[in-house]
């Protein structure tokens, strides 16, 4: 038997004010998207903003449904819209912000597993990393240079 070790590293910013200006603006768009999330069941609102290689920004917010599996996370709402509207344009940066009406969200909240897999698909498709910034309602912001930090040993087209 052989053991392998996989590590992840993130940059941690104490607040949005420490972010590069372009990322601050992107995160503000994610926060605005979060405000229009449709989350009557979970009361957990998420906003996402994607900066594309052509400098367009695509936003998304989570959209819930009484038939719970029919809803869609903010990240995938933005990802799929970007893929439909700009099919051959690479993703540069993804900003995510989450809040809850029930509990304070002061720690950075990363994308869920399904969203990680969707991000992995686009990162693999474009053959270069997508920079990901995520935060709660306020406070610290984490930066990952690539989805690979969040989803090591990912499943992609190369295994099919």
N, C-alpha and C. Protein backbone atom coordinates (compact mmCIF):
# COMPACT_ATOMS: atom_id res chain seq x y z
N UNK A 1 0.84 -1.18 0.00
CA UNK A 1 0.00 0.00 0.00
C UNK A 1 0.89 1.24 0.00
N UNK A 2 0.40 2.24 -0.70
CA UNK A 2 1.08 3.53 -0.76
C UNK A 2 0.06 4.59 -0.36
N UNK A 3 0.48 5.57 0.37
CA UNK A 3 -0.40 6.65 0.79
C UNK A 3 -0.04 7.90 0.01
N UNK A 4 -1.06 8.63 -0.46
CA UNK A 4 -0.81 9.93 -1.08
C UNK A 4 -1.43 11.01 -0.20
N UNK A 5 -0.91 12.18 -0.33
CA UNK A 5 -1.42 13.32 0.42
C UNK A 5 -1.80 14.41 -0.57
N UNK A 6 -2.97 14.96 -0.39
CA UNK A 6 -3.45 16.04 -1.25
C UNK A 6 -3.69 17.26 -0.37
N UNK A 7 -3.10 18.37 -0.76
CA UNK A 7 -3.29 19.59 0.04
C UNK A 7 -3.93 20.68 -0.81
N UNK A 8 -4.60 21.56 -0.16
CA UNK A 8 -5.19 22.72 -0.81
C UNK A 8 -4.66 23.97 -0.13
N UNK A 9 -4.51 25.02 -0.91
CA UNK A 9 -4.09 26.28 -0.31
C UNK A 9 -4.97 27.40 -0.82
N UNK A 10 -5.26 28.33 0.06
CA UNK A 10 -6.12 29.45 -0.25
C UNK A 10 -5.47 30.73 0.26
N UNK A 11 -5.72 31.81 -0.45
CA UNK A 11 -5.36 33.13 0.06
C UNK A 11 -6.54 33.60 0.88
N UNK A 12 -6.26 34.22 2.03
CA UNK A 12 -7.33 34.70 2.91
C UNK A 12 -7.21 36.21 3.04
N UNK A 13 -8.28 36.90 2.68
CA UNK A 13 -8.36 38.35 2.81
C UNK A 13 -9.26 38.65 4.00
N UNK A 14 -8.88 39.58 4.85
CA UNK A 14 -9.68 39.90 6.03
C UNK A 14 -11.02 40.54 5.69
N UNK A 15 -11.08 41.20 4.54
CA UNK A 15 -12.34 41.81 4.11
C UNK A 15 -12.26 42.08 2.62
N UNK A 16 -13.39 42.48 2.07
CA UNK A 16 -13.44 42.80 0.64
C UNK A 16 -12.51 43.94 0.27
N UNK A 17 -12.25 44.85 1.20
CA UNK A 17 -11.42 46.01 0.88
C UNK A 17 -9.99 45.63 0.53
N UNK A 18 -9.56 44.42 0.91
CA UNK A 18 -8.21 43.96 0.58
C UNK A 18 -8.13 43.34 -0.82
N UNK A 19 -9.27 43.09 -1.44
CA UNK A 19 -9.28 42.46 -2.76
C UNK A 19 -8.83 43.43 -3.84
N UNK A 20 -8.28 42.91 -4.95
CA UNK A 20 -8.01 43.79 -6.09
C UNK A 20 -9.31 44.48 -6.52
N UNK A 21 -9.21 45.68 -7.05
CA UNK A 21 -10.39 46.47 -7.39
C UNK A 21 -11.36 45.73 -8.31
N UNK A 22 -10.84 45.06 -9.31
CA UNK A 22 -11.72 44.33 -10.25
C UNK A 22 -12.50 43.23 -9.52
N UNK A 23 -11.88 42.60 -8.54
CA UNK A 23 -12.55 41.54 -7.78
C UNK A 23 -13.54 42.13 -6.79
N UNK A 24 -13.22 43.29 -6.22
CA UNK A 24 -14.18 43.97 -5.34
C UNK A 24 -15.48 44.26 -6.10
N UNK A 25 -15.34 44.77 -7.32
CA UNK A 25 -16.51 45.08 -8.14
C UNK A 25 -17.29 43.80 -8.47
N UNK A 26 -16.57 42.74 -8.77
CA UNK A 26 -17.21 41.46 -9.08
C UNK A 26 -17.96 40.93 -7.85
N UNK A 27 -17.33 41.03 -6.68
CA UNK A 27 -17.98 40.56 -5.46
C UNK A 27 -19.21 41.40 -5.14
N UNK A 28 -19.15 42.69 -5.39
CA UNK A 28 -20.33 43.54 -5.18
C UNK A 28 -21.48 43.11 -6.09
N UNK A 29 -21.15 42.65 -7.29
CA UNK A 29 -22.19 42.15 -8.19
C UNK A 29 -22.77 40.83 -7.67
N UNK A 30 -21.92 40.01 -7.08
CA UNK A 30 -22.41 38.77 -6.47
C UNK A 30 -23.33 39.08 -5.29
N UNK A 31 -22.97 40.08 -4.52
CA UNK A 31 -23.80 40.49 -3.37
C UNK A 31 -25.15 41.01 -3.85
N UNK A 32 -25.15 41.81 -4.91
CA UNK A 32 -26.42 42.31 -5.46
C UNK A 32 -27.26 41.15 -5.99
N UNK A 33 -26.63 40.19 -6.65
CA UNK A 33 -27.36 39.02 -7.15
C UNK A 33 -27.96 38.24 -5.99
N UNK A 34 -27.22 38.12 -4.92
CA UNK A 34 -27.68 37.41 -3.71
C UNK A 34 -28.97 38.02 -3.18
N UNK A 35 -29.10 39.33 -3.29
CA UNK A 35 -30.28 40.02 -2.75
C UNK A 35 -31.56 39.66 -3.48
N UNK A 36 -31.46 39.16 -4.70
CA UNK A 36 -32.67 38.79 -5.45
C UNK A 36 -32.84 37.28 -5.57
N UNK A 37 -32.11 36.54 -4.74
CA UNK A 37 -32.27 35.08 -4.73
C UNK A 37 -33.70 34.73 -4.34
N UNK A 38 -34.18 33.65 -4.91
CA UNK A 38 -35.51 33.14 -4.54
C UNK A 38 -35.28 31.95 -3.62
N UNK A 39 -35.36 32.21 -2.32
CA UNK A 39 -35.03 31.18 -1.32
C UNK A 39 -36.07 31.16 -0.19
N UNK A 40 -37.36 30.95 -0.53
CA UNK A 40 -38.40 30.99 0.50
C UNK A 40 -38.36 29.80 1.46
N UNK A 41 -37.68 28.73 1.11
CA UNK A 41 -37.68 27.51 1.92
C UNK A 41 -36.46 27.46 2.84
N UNK A 42 -35.28 27.62 2.27
CA UNK A 42 -34.05 27.52 3.07
C UNK A 42 -33.70 28.84 3.76
N UNK A 43 -34.16 29.95 3.21
CA UNK A 43 -33.79 31.29 3.70
C UNK A 43 -32.28 31.53 3.55
N UNK A 44 -31.63 30.73 2.69
CA UNK A 44 -30.20 30.81 2.45
C UNK A 44 -30.01 31.38 1.05
N UNK A 45 -29.48 32.60 0.98
CA UNK A 45 -29.39 33.32 -0.29
C UNK A 45 -27.95 33.39 -0.76
N UNK A 46 -27.75 33.03 -2.02
CA UNK A 46 -26.41 33.02 -2.60
C UNK A 46 -26.42 33.80 -3.90
N UNK A 47 -25.37 34.56 -4.11
CA UNK A 47 -25.17 35.28 -5.37
C UNK A 47 -23.82 34.92 -5.95
N UNK A 48 -23.76 34.86 -7.26
CA UNK A 48 -22.51 34.55 -7.95
C UNK A 48 -22.34 35.51 -9.12
N UNK A 49 -21.09 35.86 -9.40
CA UNK A 49 -20.77 36.70 -10.55
C UNK A 49 -19.53 36.12 -11.21
N UNK A 50 -19.59 35.97 -12.52
CA UNK A 50 -18.47 35.41 -13.29
C UNK A 50 -17.93 36.49 -14.22
N UNK A 51 -16.64 36.74 -14.12
CA UNK A 51 -15.96 37.62 -15.06
C UNK A 51 -15.43 36.74 -16.19
N UNK A 52 -15.87 37.05 -17.41
CA UNK A 52 -15.44 36.28 -18.57
C UNK A 52 -14.22 36.92 -19.22
N UNK A 53 -13.57 36.15 -20.07
CA UNK A 53 -12.37 36.61 -20.76
C UNK A 53 -12.63 37.86 -21.62
N UNK A 54 -13.87 38.01 -22.09
CA UNK A 54 -14.22 39.18 -22.92
C UNK A 54 -14.65 40.37 -22.05
N UNK A 55 -14.44 40.26 -20.72
CA UNK A 55 -14.77 41.28 -19.72
C UNK A 55 -16.26 41.47 -19.47
N UNK A 56 -17.09 40.60 -20.01
CA UNK A 56 -18.51 40.60 -19.66
C UNK A 56 -18.63 39.95 -18.28
N UNK A 57 -19.66 40.33 -17.53
CA UNK A 57 -19.94 39.73 -16.24
C UNK A 57 -21.33 39.10 -16.31
N UNK A 58 -21.41 37.87 -15.87
CA UNK A 58 -22.68 37.14 -15.82
C UNK A 58 -22.97 36.84 -14.35
N UNK A 59 -24.20 37.12 -13.93
CA UNK A 59 -24.56 36.89 -12.53
C UNK A 59 -25.61 35.78 -12.42
N UNK A 60 -25.73 35.25 -11.21
CA UNK A 60 -26.76 34.27 -10.92
C UNK A 60 -27.08 34.29 -9.44
N UNK A 61 -28.29 33.89 -9.11
CA UNK A 61 -28.69 33.73 -7.72
C UNK A 61 -29.41 32.41 -7.58
N UNK A 62 -29.42 31.86 -6.35
CA UNK A 62 -30.09 30.57 -6.19
C UNK A 62 -31.58 30.72 -6.39
N UNK A 63 -32.19 29.70 -6.96
CA UNK A 63 -33.61 29.67 -7.30
C UNK A 63 -34.20 28.38 -6.76
N UNK A 64 -34.96 28.48 -5.67
CA UNK A 64 -35.53 27.29 -5.04
C UNK A 64 -36.87 26.94 -5.65
N UNK A 65 -37.35 25.75 -5.28
CA UNK A 65 -38.61 25.24 -5.77
C UNK A 65 -39.21 24.36 -4.69
N UNK A 66 -40.53 24.33 -4.58
CA UNK A 66 -41.18 23.49 -3.58
C UNK A 66 -40.80 22.02 -3.76
N UNK A 67 -40.54 21.61 -4.99
CA UNK A 67 -39.98 20.28 -5.25
C UNK A 67 -38.47 20.47 -5.18
N UNK A 68 -37.92 20.32 -3.96
CA UNK A 68 -36.55 20.73 -3.65
C UNK A 68 -35.49 20.41 -4.71
N UNK A 69 -35.45 19.23 -5.26
CA UNK A 69 -34.37 18.97 -6.23
C UNK A 69 -34.47 19.79 -7.51
N UNK A 70 -35.59 20.47 -7.70
CA UNK A 70 -35.78 21.24 -8.93
C UNK A 70 -35.15 22.62 -8.88
N UNK A 71 -34.65 23.03 -7.73
CA UNK A 71 -34.01 24.34 -7.62
C UNK A 71 -32.62 24.33 -8.23
N UNK A 72 -32.00 25.49 -8.25
CA UNK A 72 -30.66 25.60 -8.82
C UNK A 72 -29.85 26.61 -8.03
N UNK A 73 -28.61 26.26 -7.75
CA UNK A 73 -27.69 27.13 -7.01
C UNK A 73 -27.29 28.35 -7.84
N UNK A 74 -26.85 29.39 -7.16
CA UNK A 74 -26.42 30.62 -7.82
C UNK A 74 -25.27 30.38 -8.79
N UNK A 75 -24.31 29.58 -8.35
CA UNK A 75 -23.13 29.34 -9.19
C UNK A 75 -23.52 28.68 -10.51
N UNK A 76 -24.36 27.64 -10.43
CA UNK A 76 -24.77 26.95 -11.65
C UNK A 76 -25.70 27.79 -12.50
N UNK A 77 -26.52 28.64 -11.87
CA UNK A 77 -27.36 29.56 -12.65
C UNK A 77 -26.46 30.45 -13.51
N UNK A 78 -25.42 31.02 -12.90
CA UNK A 78 -24.50 31.89 -13.64
C UNK A 78 -23.67 31.10 -14.65
N UNK A 79 -23.17 29.95 -14.25
CA UNK A 79 -22.33 29.14 -15.14
C UNK A 79 -23.08 28.73 -16.39
N UNK A 80 -24.29 28.22 -16.22
CA UNK A 80 -25.05 27.73 -17.37
C UNK A 80 -25.51 28.89 -18.26
N UNK A 81 -25.82 30.03 -17.66
CA UNK A 81 -26.19 31.19 -18.47
C UNK A 81 -24.98 31.66 -19.28
N UNK A 82 -23.82 31.73 -18.63
CA UNK A 82 -22.61 32.14 -19.34
C UNK A 82 -22.30 31.18 -20.48
N UNK A 83 -22.45 29.87 -20.20
CA UNK A 83 -22.19 28.87 -21.23
C UNK A 83 -23.15 28.98 -22.40
N UNK A 84 -24.40 29.37 -22.13
CA UNK A 84 -25.41 29.51 -23.19
C UNK A 84 -25.23 30.81 -23.98
N UNK A 85 -24.95 31.89 -23.28
CA UNK A 85 -24.84 33.20 -23.94
C UNK A 85 -23.47 33.42 -24.59
N UNK A 86 -22.41 32.92 -23.95
CA UNK A 86 -21.04 33.10 -24.44
C UNK A 86 -20.36 31.73 -24.53
N UNK A 87 -20.79 30.88 -25.44
CA UNK A 87 -20.35 29.48 -25.45
C UNK A 87 -18.85 29.25 -25.63
N UNK A 88 -18.15 30.16 -26.23
CA UNK A 88 -16.72 29.95 -26.49
C UNK A 88 -15.84 30.95 -25.77
N UNK A 89 -16.37 31.55 -24.71
CA UNK A 89 -15.61 32.54 -23.96
C UNK A 89 -15.21 31.93 -22.61
N UNK A 90 -13.93 32.00 -22.30
CA UNK A 90 -13.41 31.40 -21.06
C UNK A 90 -13.83 32.20 -19.83
N UNK A 91 -13.94 31.49 -18.72
CA UNK A 91 -14.22 32.09 -17.42
C UNK A 91 -12.89 32.50 -16.80
N UNK A 92 -12.80 33.72 -16.30
CA UNK A 92 -11.59 34.16 -15.62
C UNK A 92 -11.74 34.03 -14.10
N UNK A 93 -12.79 34.65 -13.57
CA UNK A 93 -12.95 34.75 -12.12
C UNK A 93 -14.41 34.54 -11.74
N UNK A 94 -14.60 33.83 -10.63
CA UNK A 94 -15.93 33.59 -10.07
C UNK A 94 -15.95 34.15 -8.65
N UNK A 95 -16.94 34.98 -8.35
CA UNK A 95 -17.12 35.53 -7.00
C UNK A 95 -18.44 35.02 -6.45
N UNK A 96 -18.43 34.59 -5.18
CA UNK A 96 -19.62 34.02 -4.55
C UNK A 96 -19.80 34.65 -3.17
N UNK A 97 -21.05 35.01 -2.86
CA UNK A 97 -21.38 35.52 -1.53
C UNK A 97 -22.68 34.86 -1.07
N UNK A 98 -22.72 34.47 0.20
CA UNK A 98 -23.90 33.79 0.74
C UNK A 98 -24.31 34.40 2.08
N UNK A 99 -25.61 34.40 2.32
CA UNK A 99 -26.16 34.88 3.58
C UNK A 99 -27.37 34.04 3.96
N UNK A 100 -27.76 34.11 5.19
CA UNK A 100 -28.91 33.35 5.67
C UNK A 100 -29.79 34.25 6.52
N UNK A 101 -31.09 34.12 6.34
CA UNK A 101 -32.03 34.85 7.19
C UNK A 101 -32.12 34.20 8.57
N UNK A 102 -31.64 32.96 8.69
CA UNK A 102 -31.77 32.22 9.94
C UNK A 102 -30.52 32.27 10.82
N UNK A 103 -29.34 32.29 10.20
CA UNK A 103 -28.08 32.24 10.95
C UNK A 103 -27.07 33.21 10.33
N UNK A 104 -26.21 33.80 11.16
CA UNK A 104 -25.16 34.65 10.59
C UNK A 104 -24.20 33.83 9.73
N UNK A 105 -23.79 34.38 8.60
CA UNK A 105 -22.83 33.70 7.73
C UNK A 105 -21.58 34.57 7.65
N UNK A 106 -20.75 34.48 8.68
CA UNK A 106 -19.57 35.33 8.76
C UNK A 106 -18.32 34.63 8.25
N UNK A 107 -18.37 33.31 8.09
CA UNK A 107 -17.23 32.57 7.53
C UNK A 107 -17.44 32.41 6.02
N UNK A 108 -16.36 32.33 5.26
CA UNK A 108 -16.50 32.11 3.82
C UNK A 108 -17.25 30.80 3.53
N UNK A 109 -18.17 30.85 2.59
CA UNK A 109 -18.99 29.69 2.24
C UNK A 109 -18.64 29.26 0.82
N UNK A 110 -18.04 28.09 0.68
CA UNK A 110 -17.62 27.61 -0.64
C UNK A 110 -18.79 27.04 -1.43
N UNK A 111 -18.60 26.80 -2.72
CA UNK A 111 -19.65 26.18 -3.52
C UNK A 111 -19.93 24.75 -3.07
N UNK A 112 -21.17 24.31 -3.27
CA UNK A 112 -21.55 22.93 -2.94
C UNK A 112 -20.89 21.95 -3.92
N UNK A 113 -21.05 20.69 -3.67
CA UNK A 113 -20.43 19.66 -4.51
C UNK A 113 -20.89 19.69 -5.96
N UNK A 114 -22.20 19.87 -6.18
CA UNK A 114 -22.71 19.91 -7.56
C UNK A 114 -22.15 21.12 -8.30
N UNK A 115 -22.03 22.24 -7.62
CA UNK A 115 -21.46 23.43 -8.25
C UNK A 115 -19.97 23.24 -8.53
N UNK A 116 -19.28 22.59 -7.61
CA UNK A 116 -17.86 22.31 -7.83
C UNK A 116 -17.68 21.47 -9.10
N UNK A 117 -18.53 20.47 -9.27
CA UNK A 117 -18.44 19.62 -10.45
C UNK A 117 -18.72 20.43 -11.72
N UNK A 118 -19.68 21.34 -11.66
CA UNK A 118 -19.99 22.17 -12.82
C UNK A 118 -18.84 23.12 -13.15
N UNK A 119 -18.24 23.70 -12.12
CA UNK A 119 -17.07 24.56 -12.34
C UNK A 119 -15.93 23.73 -12.94
N UNK A 120 -15.76 22.51 -12.43
CA UNK A 120 -14.70 21.62 -12.94
C UNK A 120 -14.88 21.37 -14.43
N UNK A 121 -16.11 21.21 -14.87
CA UNK A 121 -16.38 20.96 -16.29
C UNK A 121 -15.88 22.11 -17.15
N UNK A 122 -16.17 23.33 -16.71
CA UNK A 122 -15.74 24.50 -17.49
C UNK A 122 -14.25 24.73 -17.39
N UNK A 123 -13.67 24.47 -16.23
CA UNK A 123 -12.22 24.62 -16.09
C UNK A 123 -11.50 23.62 -16.99
N UNK A 124 -11.99 22.40 -17.04
CA UNK A 124 -11.41 21.37 -17.91
C UNK A 124 -11.60 21.75 -19.38
N UNK A 125 -12.78 22.22 -19.69
CA UNK A 125 -13.12 22.59 -21.08
C UNK A 125 -12.22 23.69 -21.61
N UNK A 126 -11.90 24.67 -20.77
CA UNK A 126 -11.09 25.78 -21.24
C UNK A 126 -9.59 25.58 -21.01
N UNK A 127 -9.24 24.50 -20.34
CA UNK A 127 -7.83 24.12 -20.13
C UNK A 127 -7.01 25.17 -19.39
N UNK A 128 -7.64 25.97 -18.57
CA UNK A 128 -6.89 26.83 -17.66
C UNK A 128 -7.76 27.15 -16.45
N UNK A 129 -7.13 27.45 -15.32
CA UNK A 129 -7.85 27.60 -14.06
C UNK A 129 -8.84 28.75 -14.04
N UNK A 130 -9.85 28.59 -13.19
CA UNK A 130 -10.80 29.65 -12.89
C UNK A 130 -10.51 30.09 -11.46
N UNK A 131 -10.22 31.35 -11.30
CA UNK A 131 -9.96 31.90 -9.97
C UNK A 131 -11.31 32.03 -9.25
N UNK A 132 -11.38 31.56 -8.00
CA UNK A 132 -12.64 31.55 -7.26
C UNK A 132 -12.46 32.29 -5.93
N UNK A 133 -13.33 33.27 -5.70
CA UNK A 133 -13.37 34.02 -4.45
C UNK A 133 -14.70 33.72 -3.79
N UNK A 134 -14.71 33.43 -2.49
CA UNK A 134 -15.98 33.19 -1.81
C UNK A 134 -15.96 33.74 -0.40
N UNK A 135 -17.16 34.17 0.03
CA UNK A 135 -17.32 34.78 1.34
C UNK A 135 -18.73 34.51 1.85
N UNK A 136 -18.95 34.83 3.13
CA UNK A 136 -20.29 34.80 3.68
C UNK A 136 -20.95 36.14 3.42
N UNK A 137 -21.71 36.61 4.39
CA UNK A 137 -22.38 37.90 4.24
C UNK A 137 -21.36 39.04 4.30
N UNK A 138 -20.35 38.88 5.15
CA UNK A 138 -19.30 39.87 5.29
C UNK A 138 -18.08 39.15 5.89
N UNK A 139 -17.02 39.90 6.10
CA UNK A 139 -15.83 39.33 6.73
C UNK A 139 -14.84 38.77 5.74
N UNK A 140 -14.17 37.71 6.15
CA UNK A 140 -13.08 37.13 5.37
C UNK A 140 -13.54 36.65 4.00
N UNK A 141 -12.61 36.72 3.05
CA UNK A 141 -12.83 36.23 1.69
C UNK A 141 -11.72 35.25 1.39
N UNK A 142 -12.07 34.07 0.91
CA UNK A 142 -11.07 33.08 0.50
C UNK A 142 -10.91 33.15 -1.02
N UNK A 143 -9.67 32.94 -1.46
CA UNK A 143 -9.36 32.88 -2.89
C UNK A 143 -8.69 31.55 -3.20
N UNK A 144 -9.23 30.88 -4.18
CA UNK A 144 -8.62 29.66 -4.69
C UNK A 144 -8.15 29.95 -6.11
N UNK A 145 -6.92 29.57 -6.42
CA UNK A 145 -6.39 29.81 -7.77
C UNK A 145 -7.08 28.96 -8.82
N UNK A 146 -7.70 27.87 -8.36
CA UNK A 146 -8.30 26.92 -9.29
C UNK A 146 -9.35 26.09 -8.56
N UNK A 147 -10.27 25.55 -9.30
CA UNK A 147 -11.25 24.64 -8.72
C UNK A 147 -10.57 23.41 -8.12
N UNK A 148 -9.41 23.06 -8.63
CA UNK A 148 -8.69 21.88 -8.15
C UNK A 148 -8.44 21.92 -6.64
N UNK A 149 -8.30 23.11 -6.06
CA UNK A 149 -8.15 23.22 -4.61
C UNK A 149 -9.41 22.78 -3.88
N UNK A 150 -10.55 23.02 -4.49
CA UNK A 150 -11.84 22.68 -3.87
C UNK A 150 -12.31 21.28 -4.21
N UNK A 151 -11.82 20.74 -5.31
CA UNK A 151 -12.26 19.42 -5.77
C UNK A 151 -11.08 18.65 -6.37
N UNK A 152 -10.17 18.21 -5.51
CA UNK A 152 -9.05 17.41 -6.04
C UNK A 152 -9.57 16.07 -6.56
N UNK A 153 -8.85 15.47 -7.45
CA UNK A 153 -9.24 14.19 -8.05
C UNK A 153 -10.61 14.29 -8.71
N UNK A 154 -10.82 15.36 -9.45
CA UNK A 154 -12.12 15.59 -10.06
C UNK A 154 -12.42 14.62 -11.18
N UNK A 155 -13.70 14.44 -11.42
CA UNK A 155 -14.21 13.61 -12.50
C UNK A 155 -14.43 14.50 -13.70
N UNK A 156 -13.77 14.19 -14.83
CA UNK A 156 -13.94 15.02 -16.02
C UNK A 156 -13.92 14.17 -17.28
N UNK A 157 -13.95 14.85 -18.43
CA UNK A 157 -14.04 14.17 -19.73
C UNK A 157 -12.89 13.19 -19.97
N UNK A 158 -11.77 13.39 -19.30
CA UNK A 158 -10.61 12.53 -19.53
C UNK A 158 -10.79 11.12 -19.00
N UNK A 159 -11.77 10.91 -18.12
CA UNK A 159 -11.99 9.56 -17.59
C UNK A 159 -13.07 8.79 -18.35
N UNK A 160 -13.72 9.46 -19.29
CA UNK A 160 -14.81 8.82 -20.06
C UNK A 160 -14.27 8.03 -21.23
